Amino acid sequence: MGFGAFVALVRKDLQLFFSDRRAVILTFAVPIAIASFFGSIFRGGGDNDSEAAKIPIAIVDRDGSAISKAIVAGIKADKNLAVTTPSVEAARSAVQKGDVAVAVIVPPQFGDAAGRAFLARGAKPQVDLLFDPSRGAELAMVRGVLTGHVMEAVGNEVFGGAQGRTIVNETLSQLDASGLPADSRETLRTLLLSVQRLNQQSSATGTGGGGLTVPYDVKEDAVVAGGNAQYNGYAHSFAGMGIQFLLFAAIDLGTGILLERERGIWKRFRSAPLSRFTFLTARGTSGTIITLLTLVVSFAFAMLVFDVRIHGSVLGFAAVAVACSMMAATFGLLVAAVGSTAAATRRVAGFAVLIMVMLGGAWVPSFVFPAWLQRLTVVIPARWAVDGLDAMTWRGLGIGAAVMPTVILLGFAVLFAALTLARFRWEEA
């Protein structure tokens, strides 16, 4: 009798789910649409068919020296930057409007001051960086790129340019009054005289000085475990949005149970007779099937349209997916156990889900979080779900990488189920 009632309840839930064609379409279409959008944003640099987004910056050269012109030319040639050269006022306005991330202001006399500071302990010129406070990560990148180009431009000019010769000669003439210790002063004098001779030889032969260049080249290589795997932003976005909408489906499960109580349907269930355990197990089973189906359909779409692949273990992917669905279904039961009315519970549970998926890295990867927040997110089930699905798809890791996420997700499912049994009041019907 118990098993027959269990099967009947599961069949009833599935029939109700598929009877509303519009709800079924939205259940599958909404996570697919949102995941596709986020995937197009975070698709990464491994897609050869798309041009990587460049950081928009403005650079204002108020110096006009050989050094500052070399800096501007180097920055313009950088493939990661989209550079404009407006006036100071226009640059500030562009930053305020969000049109550029950073504006670099090179002050007057920068070249001379930078050259002297390069050779001796002179006053360092100040470069102003006007930046959009919402784009701090881009500011850090621009600062690093600027440092490289300044060092190269100043070094090249000091060791081979006309402006550098003047700077060396002036520094030599002022060395005795520099205030340096005698040993340091003589060592620096020897260096400057050597640079002076190098510049004179370059002028005599008509060749450029040795100059300075960045002493290395960069080979960029994205590292993943699978032999044919590569980063696919759609894989991460479908994992994140899939988990989010599994939890939203779980809210529908929980509020559906509360609506049945408000409509007096529980009284008919209890007259069957039907135990509380059978009722909750059946609802949890049907919820697991529905949420698992949502996740599978989403990833099937991603595989067909966006070339998402399971580069890791197929069995591991299945284990994580099932554990995710069980966690979501038991979360829905917990929503029903602790909720009062369906309307009020939906609002509170919706907020809880949004916080959970936000902290779990479903919207943006968790590695962009502050360190303290990354440590906190280990208690968020969505974090383990997203990490597990990422490991089995674009990371190309083996089944071992699926064990911990699966176990932890199942642990959350057991915890939610235990809390549900402790809080669920069958007699309230």
Protein backbone atom coordinates (compact mmCIF):
# COMPACT_ATOMS: atom_id res chain seq x y z
CA MET A 1 0.00 0.00 0.00
CA GLY A 2 2.83 2.43 0.92
CA PHE A 3 4.82 1.79 -2.26
CA GLY A 4 1.71 2.10 -4.43
CA ALA A 5 0.88 5.43 -2.81
CA PHE A 6 4.47 6.55 -3.29
CA VAL A 7 4.39 5.76 -7.04
CA ALA A 8 1.00 7.41 -7.42
CA LEU A 9 2.24 10.61 -5.80
CA VAL A 10 5.33 10.75 -7.98
CA ARG A 11 3.27 10.11 -11.12
CA LYS A 12 0.80 12.80 -10.05
CA ASP A 13 3.56 15.40 -9.59
CA LEU A 14 5.11 14.63 -12.96
CA GLN A 15 1.75 14.75 -14.72
CA LEU A 16 0.97 18.11 -13.11
CA PHE A 17 4.38 19.42 -14.14
CA PHE A 18 4.05 18.41 -17.79
CA SER A 19 0.37 19.39 -18.04
CA ASP A 20 1.23 23.11 -17.93
CA ARG A 21 3.01 23.47 -21.27
CA ARG A 22 3.88 27.13 -20.73
CA ALA A 23 5.47 26.42 -17.34
CA VAL A 24 7.48 23.53 -18.80
CA ILE A 25 8.80 25.71 -21.61
CA LEU A 26 9.76 28.49 -19.19
CA THR A 27 11.41 25.99 -16.85
CA PHE A 28 13.74 24.91 -19.64
CA ALA A 29 14.02 28.15 -21.65
CA VAL A 30 14.81 30.68 -18.92
CA PRO A 31 18.01 29.03 -17.59
CA ILE A 32 19.14 28.38 -21.18
CA ALA A 33 18.64 32.03 -22.17
CA ILE A 34 20.34 33.48 -19.09
CA ALA A 35 23.22 30.98 -19.21
CA SER A 36 23.76 31.79 -22.89
CA PHE A 37 23.98 35.49 -22.04
CA PHE A 38 26.49 35.03 -19.22
CA GLY A 39 28.47 32.56 -21.32
CA SER A 40 28.85 35.10 -24.11
CA ILE A 41 30.28 37.57 -21.57
CA PHE A 42 32.66 35.17 -19.82
CA ARG A 43 33.59 33.07 -22.84
CA GLY A 44 37.28 33.57 -22.12
CA GLY A 45 40.26 34.08 -24.38
CA GLY A 46 40.39 30.62 -25.94
CA ASP A 47 37.84 31.35 -28.65
CA ASN A 48 39.77 32.20 -31.79
CA ASP A 49 36.62 33.33 -33.57
CA SER A 50 36.06 36.25 -31.24
CA GLU A 51 38.13 39.30 -30.46
CA ALA A 52 38.96 39.71 -26.79
CA ALA A 53 37.56 42.84 -25.21
CA LYS A 54 40.17 45.56 -24.76
CA ILE A 55 40.43 47.89 -21.79
CA PRO A 56 39.50 51.42 -22.91
CA ILE A 57 42.00 53.96 -21.62
CA ALA A 58 42.91 57.56 -22.40
CA ILE A 59 46.45 58.93 -22.26
CA VAL A 60 47.24 62.64 -22.17
CA ASP A 61 50.83 63.61 -23.02
CA ARG A 62 51.44 67.05 -21.49
CA ASP A 63 55.21 66.65 -21.86
CA GLY A 64 55.80 66.01 -25.55
CA SER A 65 59.35 64.76 -24.93
CA ALA A 66 60.98 61.83 -26.68
CA ILE A 67 60.42 59.72 -23.58
CA SER A 68 56.72 60.56 -23.23
CA LYS A 69 56.14 60.03 -26.96
CA ALA A 70 57.77 56.60 -26.73
CA ILE A 71 55.52 55.73 -23.78
CA VAL A 72 52.40 56.75 -25.70
CA ALA A 73 53.51 54.78 -28.75
CA GLY A 74 54.18 51.66 -26.68
CA ILE A 75 50.81 51.84 -24.93
CA LYS A 76 49.00 52.36 -28.23
CA ALA A 77 50.64 49.20 -29.59
CA ASP A 78 49.51 47.09 -26.62
CA LYS A 79 46.96 44.51 -27.81
CA ASN A 80 45.06 44.56 -24.51
CA LEU A 81 44.29 48.27 -24.59
CA ALA A 82 42.03 50.52 -26.67
CA VAL A 83 43.78 53.89 -26.45
CA THR A 84 42.55 57.42 -27.12
CA THR A 85 44.51 60.67 -26.66
CA PRO A 86 42.05 63.41 -25.64
CA SER A 87 42.63 66.56 -23.62
CA VAL A 88 42.80 66.45 -19.83
CA GLU A 89 39.24 67.74 -19.46
CA ALA A 90 37.89 65.30 -22.05
CA ALA A 91 39.76 62.43 -20.39
CA ARG A 92 38.31 63.25 -16.97
CA SER A 93 34.82 63.50 -18.46
CA ALA A 94 35.24 60.14 -20.22
CA VAL A 95 36.18 58.48 -16.92
CA GLN A 96 33.20 60.08 -15.15
CA LYS A 97 30.85 58.79 -17.86
CA GLY A 98 32.38 55.30 -17.76
CA ASP A 99 33.55 55.51 -21.38
CA VAL A 100 37.13 54.71 -20.37
CA ALA A 101 38.40 52.73 -17.40
CA VAL A 102 41.58 54.72 -16.75
CA ALA A 103 43.01 58.04 -17.91
CA VAL A 104 46.81 58.40 -17.75
CA ILE A 105 48.04 62.00 -17.39
CA VAL A 106 51.75 62.45 -18.22
CA PRO A 107 52.84 65.77 -16.64
CA PRO A 108 55.08 68.45 -18.21
CA GLN A 109 58.85 67.84 -17.89
CA PHE A 110 58.15 64.17 -17.20
CA GLY A 111 60.89 62.92 -19.52
CA ASP A 112 63.67 65.00 -17.95
CA ALA A 113 62.60 64.22 -14.38
CA ALA A 114 62.13 60.50 -15.08
CA GLY A 115 65.54 60.28 -16.74
CA ARG A 116 67.27 61.95 -13.78
CA ALA A 117 65.39 59.76 -11.29
CA PHE A 118 66.42 56.73 -13.37
CA LEU A 119 70.13 57.59 -13.07
CA ALA A 120 70.30 59.15 -9.62
CA ARG A 121 68.14 59.63 -6.59
CA GLY A 122 66.37 62.65 -7.95
CA ALA A 123 62.75 63.60 -7.39
CA LYS A 124 60.39 61.24 -9.15
CA PRO A 125 57.78 62.77 -11.45
CA GLN A 126 54.17 61.94 -10.73
CA VAL A 127 51.85 60.38 -13.29
CA ASP A 128 48.15 60.86 -12.50
CA LEU A 129 45.79 57.94 -13.05
CA LEU A 130 42.12 58.90 -13.17
CA PHE A 131 40.04 55.74 -12.92
CA ASP A 132 36.48 54.50 -12.78
CA PRO A 133 36.06 53.14 -9.20
CA SER A 134 33.91 50.30 -10.48
CA ARG A 135 36.81 48.93 -12.56
CA GLY A 136 39.54 48.38 -10.01
CA ALA A 137 40.85 45.20 -11.65
CA GLU A 138 41.44 47.05 -14.91
CA LEU A 139 43.26 49.81 -13.03
CA ALA A 140 45.74 47.24 -11.68
CA MET A 141 46.37 45.89 -15.17
CA VAL A 142 46.88 49.36 -16.68
CA ARG A 143 49.29 50.25 -13.87
CA GLY A 144 51.40 47.20 -14.66
CA VAL A 145 51.39 47.84 -18.41
CA LEU A 146 52.30 51.51 -17.84
CA THR A 147 55.25 50.56 -15.63
CA GLY A 148 56.71 48.33 -18.32
CA HIS A 149 56.43 50.95 -21.05
CA VAL A 150 57.84 53.73 -18.87
CA MET A 151 60.88 51.66 -17.90
CA GLU A 152 61.54 50.71 -21.52
CA ALA A 153 61.09 54.24 -22.87
CA VAL A 154 63.22 55.91 -20.19
CA GLY A 155 65.95 53.29 -20.46
CA ASN A 156 66.12 53.51 -24.24
CA GLU A 157 66.39 57.29 -24.18
CA VAL A 158 68.97 57.43 -21.39
CA PHE A 159 71.19 54.88 -23.11
CA GLY A 160 70.86 56.12 -26.65
CA GLY A 161 68.65 59.16 -27.22
CA ALA A 162 69.41 62.86 -27.58
CA GLN A 163 67.38 63.71 -24.50
CA GLY A 164 69.25 61.03 -22.59
CA ARG A 165 72.63 62.52 -23.51
CA THR A 166 71.56 65.85 -22.06
CA ILE A 167 70.31 64.20 -18.90
CA VAL A 168 73.58 62.27 -18.46
CA ASN A 169 75.71 65.37 -18.95
CA GLU A 170 73.62 67.42 -16.52
CA THR A 171 73.65 64.66 -13.92
CA LEU A 172 77.45 64.42 -14.17
CA SER A 173 77.86 68.18 -13.69
CA GLN A 174 75.61 68.15 -10.61
CA LEU A 175 76.95 64.96 -9.09
CA ASP A 176 79.29 66.60 -6.57
CA ALA A 177 76.40 68.61 -5.13
CA SER A 178 74.04 65.63 -5.00
CA GLY A 179 74.70 64.84 -1.33
CA LEU A 180 75.48 61.20 -2.02
CA PRO A 181 78.16 59.44 0.05
CA ALA A 182 81.61 59.59 -1.57
CA ASP A 183 81.72 55.88 -2.48
CA SER A 184 78.27 55.95 -4.04
CA ARG A 185 79.06 59.20 -5.85
CA GLU A 186 82.21 57.76 -7.46
CA THR A 187 80.44 54.55 -8.44
CA LEU A 188 77.63 56.53 -10.07
CA ARG A 189 80.19 58.80 -11.80
CA THR A 190 81.84 55.73 -13.35
CA LEU A 191 78.47 54.48 -14.58
CA LEU A 192 77.52 57.85 -16.07
CA LEU A 193 80.86 58.24 -17.80
CA SER A 194 80.41 54.79 -19.33
CA VAL A 195 76.97 55.74 -20.56
CA GLN A 196 78.39 58.99 -21.94
CA ARG A 197 81.08 57.12 -23.89
CA LEU A 198 78.45 54.69 -25.19
CA ASN A 199 76.34 57.58 -26.45
CA GLN A 200 79.38 59.22 -28.08
CA GLN A 201 80.30 55.97 -29.84
CA SER A 202 76.72 55.57 -31.05
CA SER A 203 76.77 59.09 -32.49
CA ALA A 204 80.10 58.46 -34.23
CA THR A 205 78.99 55.20 -35.83
CA GLY A 206 75.43 56.29 -36.54
CA THR A 207 73.96 53.33 -34.67
CA GLY A 208 71.50 53.51 -31.83
CA GLY A 209 72.52 52.88 -28.28
CA GLY A 210 72.01 49.61 -26.54
CA GLY A 211 68.96 50.82 -24.70
CA LEU A 212 66.67 48.70 -22.54
CA THR A 213 63.98 46.30 -23.60
CA VAL A 214 61.72 43.96 -21.71
CA PRO A 215 64.04 40.96 -21.19
CA TYR A 216 61.53 38.25 -21.98
CA ASP A 217 58.70 37.23 -24.28
CA VAL A 218 55.42 35.73 -23.16
CA LYS A 219 53.80 32.56 -24.40
CA GLU A 220 50.23 32.26 -23.18
CA ASP A 221 48.99 28.74 -22.57
CA ALA A 222 45.65 27.98 -20.90
CA VAL A 223 46.09 24.94 -18.65
CA VAL A 224 43.36 22.32 -18.23
CA ALA A 225 43.58 18.66 -17.33
CA GLY A 226 41.88 17.00 -20.29
CA GLY A 227 43.93 16.49 -23.44
CA ASN A 228 41.33 18.11 -25.71
CA ALA A 229 39.77 20.37 -23.09
CA GLN A 230 39.78 24.14 -23.25
CA TYR A 231 38.04 26.81 -21.28
CA ASN A 232 34.46 27.33 -22.40
CA GLY A 233 32.65 30.13 -20.62
CA TYR A 234 29.32 28.61 -21.60
CA ALA A 235 30.13 25.49 -19.57
CA HIS A 236 30.54 27.58 -16.42
CA SER A 237 27.50 29.76 -17.09
CA PHE A 238 25.23 26.76 -17.74
CA ALA A 239 26.49 25.17 -14.54
CA GLY A 240 25.75 28.32 -12.57
CA MET A 241 22.37 29.08 -14.10
CA GLY A 242 21.43 25.40 -13.97
CA ILE A 243 22.01 25.33 -10.21
CA GLN A 244 20.13 28.59 -9.75
CA PHE A 245 17.04 27.34 -11.52
CA LEU A 246 17.19 23.97 -9.81
CA LEU A 247 16.81 25.86 -6.56
CA PHE A 248 14.01 27.99 -7.98
CA ALA A 249 12.26 24.79 -9.04
CA ALA A 250 12.75 23.56 -5.48
CA ILE A 251 10.96 26.68 -4.23
CA ASP A 252 8.04 25.81 -6.51
CA LEU A 253 8.04 22.32 -4.98
CA GLY A 254 7.93 23.70 -1.44
CA THR A 255 5.31 26.36 -2.07
CA GLY A 256 3.24 23.81 -4.00
CA ILE A 257 3.09 21.68 -0.87
CA LEU A 258 2.02 24.70 1.17
CA LEU A 259 -0.70 25.51 -1.36
CA GLU A 260 -2.01 21.96 -1.08
CA ARG A 261 -2.21 22.41 2.69
CA GLU A 262 -4.06 25.73 2.31
CA ARG A 263 -6.55 24.12 -0.08
CA GLY A 264 -7.21 21.18 2.25
CA ILE A 265 -5.70 18.57 -0.06
CA TRP A 266 -3.60 17.15 2.78
CA LYS A 267 -6.76 15.93 4.48
CA ARG A 268 -7.45 13.69 1.49
CA PHE A 269 -3.87 12.44 1.52
CA ARG A 270 -4.11 11.51 5.18
CA SER A 271 -7.40 9.70 4.67
CA ALA A 272 -5.70 7.40 2.09
CA PRO A 273 -4.06 6.52 4.64
CA LEU A 274 -0.67 8.01 3.82
CA SER A 275 2.28 8.37 6.16
CA ARG A 276 4.27 11.55 6.48
CA PHE A 277 7.46 9.74 5.43
CA THR A 278 5.89 8.34 2.26
CA PHE A 279 4.45 11.73 1.35
CA LEU A 280 7.77 13.55 1.78
CA THR A 281 9.79 10.83 0.05
CA ALA A 282 7.47 10.87 -2.95
CA ARG A 283 7.59 14.64 -3.24
CA GLY A 284 11.36 14.57 -2.89
CA THR A 285 11.65 11.93 -5.60
CA SER A 286 9.46 13.80 -8.06
CA GLY A 287 11.34 17.00 -7.28
CA THR A 288 14.66 15.28 -7.93
CA ILE A 289 13.43 13.99 -11.29
CA ILE A 290 12.12 17.40 -12.38
CA THR A 291 15.24 19.30 -11.32
CA LEU A 292 17.54 16.70 -12.86
CA LEU A 293 15.59 16.92 -16.09
CA THR A 294 15.98 20.72 -16.06
CA LEU A 295 19.76 20.41 -15.64
CA VAL A 296 20.09 17.73 -18.31
CA VAL A 297 18.06 19.68 -20.87
CA SER A 298 20.11 22.84 -20.21
CA PHE A 299 23.42 21.05 -20.72
CA ALA A 300 22.10 19.21 -23.77
CA PHE A 301 21.30 22.59 -25.33
CA ALA A 302 24.77 23.88 -24.40
CA MET A 303 26.39 20.83 -25.99
CA LEU A 304 24.44 21.19 -29.23
CA VAL A 305 24.69 24.96 -29.62
CA PHE A 306 27.83 26.09 -27.75
CA ASP A 307 30.04 23.03 -28.07
CA VAL A 308 30.15 22.38 -24.33
CA ARG A 309 31.71 18.99 -23.67
CA ILE A 310 32.22 16.69 -20.70
CA HIS A 311 36.00 16.53 -20.96
CA GLY A 312 36.28 14.85 -17.58
CA SER A 313 34.39 11.83 -16.29
CA VAL A 314 30.87 11.21 -17.62
CA LEU A 315 30.12 9.13 -14.53
CA GLY A 316 31.43 11.95 -12.34
CA PHE A 317 29.24 14.47 -14.16
CA ALA A 318 26.20 12.22 -13.63
CA ALA A 319 27.03 11.81 -9.94
CA VAL A 320 27.35 15.56 -9.38
CA ALA A 321 24.16 16.25 -11.37
CA VAL A 322 22.12 13.72 -9.37
CA ALA A 323 23.55 15.00 -6.08
CA CYS A 324 22.67 18.57 -7.12
CA SER A 325 19.11 17.55 -7.89
CA MET A 326 18.71 15.69 -4.59
CA MET A 327 20.09 18.68 -2.69
CA ALA A 328 17.67 21.01 -4.49
CA ALA A 329 14.66 18.73 -3.93
CA THR A 330 15.32 18.35 -0.20
CA PHE A 331 15.84 22.11 0.02
CA GLY A 332 12.33 22.49 -1.43
CA LEU A 333 10.96 20.14 1.20
CA LEU A 334 12.67 22.18 3.90
CA VAL A 335 11.05 25.31 2.48
CA ALA A 336 7.65 23.63 2.92
CA ALA A 337 8.52 22.46 6.43
CA VAL A 338 9.53 25.85 7.78
CA GLY A 339 7.18 28.02 5.71
CA SER A 340 3.86 29.42 6.80
CA THR A 341 1.89 30.65 3.76
CA ALA A 342 2.88 29.97 0.16
CA ALA A 343 3.10 33.66 -0.79
CA ALA A 344 5.28 34.72 2.13
CA THR A 345 7.49 31.66 1.89
CA ARG A 346 8.15 32.19 -1.83
CA ARG A 347 9.53 35.67 -1.21
CA VAL A 348 11.82 34.65 1.63
CA ALA A 349 13.01 31.49 -0.13
CA GLY A 350 13.64 33.40 -3.36
CA PHE A 351 15.88 35.83 -1.52
CA ALA A 352 17.73 32.96 0.16
CA VAL A 353 18.34 31.28 -3.20
CA LEU A 354 19.67 34.47 -4.78
CA ILE A 355 22.15 34.89 -1.91
CA MET A 356 23.12 31.23 -2.16
CA VAL A 357 23.85 31.28 -5.89
CA MET A 358 25.58 34.66 -5.69
CA LEU A 359 27.98 33.44 -2.98
CA GLY A 360 28.31 30.06 -4.67
CA GLY A 361 29.90 31.48 -7.81
CA ALA A 362 26.92 30.80 -10.05
CA TRP A 363 26.84 34.35 -11.42
CA VAL A 364 30.56 35.10 -11.53
CA PRO A 365 33.45 32.74 -10.71
CA SER A 366 34.23 32.62 -7.00
CA PHE A 367 37.93 33.37 -7.56
CA VAL A 368 37.06 37.06 -8.05
CA PHE A 369 35.71 37.19 -4.46
CA PRO A 370 37.79 38.61 -1.59
CA ALA A 371 39.83 35.95 0.22
CA TRP A 372 37.64 35.99 3.35
CA LEU A 373 34.52 35.51 1.25
CA GLN A 374 36.08 32.61 -0.66
CA ARG A 375 36.66 30.86 2.66
CA LEU A 376 33.07 31.52 3.71
CA THR A 377 31.55 30.05 0.54
CA VAL A 378 32.67 26.50 1.40
CA VAL A 379 29.47 26.23 3.47
CA ILE A 380 27.31 27.11 0.44
CA PRO A 381 26.05 24.03 -1.46
CA ALA A 382 25.86 25.97 -4.74
CA ARG A 383 29.64 26.49 -4.57
CA TRP A 384 30.28 22.73 -4.54
CA ALA A 385 27.72 22.13 -7.27
CA VAL A 386 29.28 24.68 -9.64
CA ASP A 387 32.82 23.53 -8.88
CA GLY A 388 31.87 19.90 -9.47
CA LEU A 389 30.21 20.58 -12.81
CA ASP A 390 33.13 22.80 -13.90
CA ALA A 391 35.58 20.04 -13.00
CA MET A 392 33.75 17.50 -15.15
CA THR A 393 33.24 19.80 -18.16
CA TRP A 394 35.84 22.36 -19.22
CA ARG A 395 38.47 21.51 -16.59
CA GLY A 396 38.59 17.93 -17.83
CA LEU A 397 39.34 16.40 -14.42
CA GLY A 398 38.87 12.74 -13.58
CA ILE A 399 36.20 11.14 -11.46
CA GLY A 400 38.21 11.77 -8.32
CA ALA A 401 37.44 15.47 -8.61
CA ALA A 402 33.71 14.67 -8.50
CA VAL A 403 33.87 12.70 -5.25
CA MET A 404 34.14 15.60 -2.81
CA PRO A 405 31.41 17.78 -4.43
CA THR A 406 29.10 14.76 -4.70
CA VAL A 407 29.62 13.72 -1.08
CA ILE A 408 29.14 17.26 0.23
CA LEU A 409 26.02 17.83 -1.87
CA LEU A 410 24.58 14.53 -0.65
CA GLY A 411 25.49 15.63 2.89
CA PHE A 412 23.48 18.81 2.39
CA ALA A 413 20.60 16.70 1.04
CA VAL A 414 20.68 14.52 4.17
CA LEU A 415 20.83 17.62 6.38
CA PHE A 416 17.89 19.25 4.61
CA ALA A 417 15.90 16.00 4.77
CA ALA A 418 16.60 15.58 8.49
CA LEU A 419 15.55 19.15 9.22
CA THR A 420 12.42 18.62 7.13
CA LEU A 421 11.42 15.51 9.09
CA ALA A 422 12.06 17.37 12.34
CA ARG A 423 10.04 20.46 11.39
CA PHE A 424 7.30 19.09 9.13
CA ARG A 425 3.91 19.02 10.91
CA TRP A 426 1.58 16.61 9.13
CA GLU A 427 -1.08 17.24 11.73
CA GLU A 428 -1.38 20.91 10.73
CA ALA A 429 -3.53 19.89 7.77
